[in-house]
Amino acid sequence: MKAIFLTAALATLFLADPPVGQIFPELKAETLTDSVISFPNDTKGKSTLICMAYSADAEKDLKTWYEPTYDKFIAKTELMSDMFDVNVYFIPMFTGVKAAGAAKAKKDMKESVQVDLQPHVVVYKGELDAYKVTLKMDDKSKPYIYVLDKEGKIVFVTSGAYTDDKMDEIDEYIE
């Protein structure tokens, strides 16, 4: 009995480990500017920050990442123009029954998301289960944030609403 419990506990710990060291799984989706992006193939050559959410609750927290991430990595000012060369994508995921509403949601987002952020918002419509398992996205109430290296390998994972501490950790992994 103890052996069964120990085996189950170890399996749970193993399954809960973030997918650091793995190549990000292939995912194709469309930006708000109608460009198709294929992850990780189209992001190779630069570090990439991917922020994903697959529920309305998680999307609320995903939005907390927009402004600070935009300010740090996307907005180009005279002082920061060469500071970071990183791909940044926010991916709301529409799966199952919600996939039918993806087109309307994309249209609504186009109207509400500022124009220079739109190429960084990618709408995914499709299956979820493989991504939940591979990327260890166990809690649908929070967004998941992945940092990929130049080859598309996951080097850091965090989740939940934005905090300065999380951004500081991300900085350590952006090449």
Foldseek 3Di string as FASTA:
>chain_A
DVVVVVVVVVVVVVQQDFLFQAFQDWAWWAFLVGDIDTPPVNFAPFKEKEKEAEDPLAVVQLVLCPVVCCVQEPDDDPVCNPVADYQAAYEYEQEDPRLVVQVVVSVVCNVVPDPSCRRRYTYGHYDDVVCCRNRVVPDNNKMKMFIAHNHRGTHDIDIHHDDPVVVVVVVVVGD
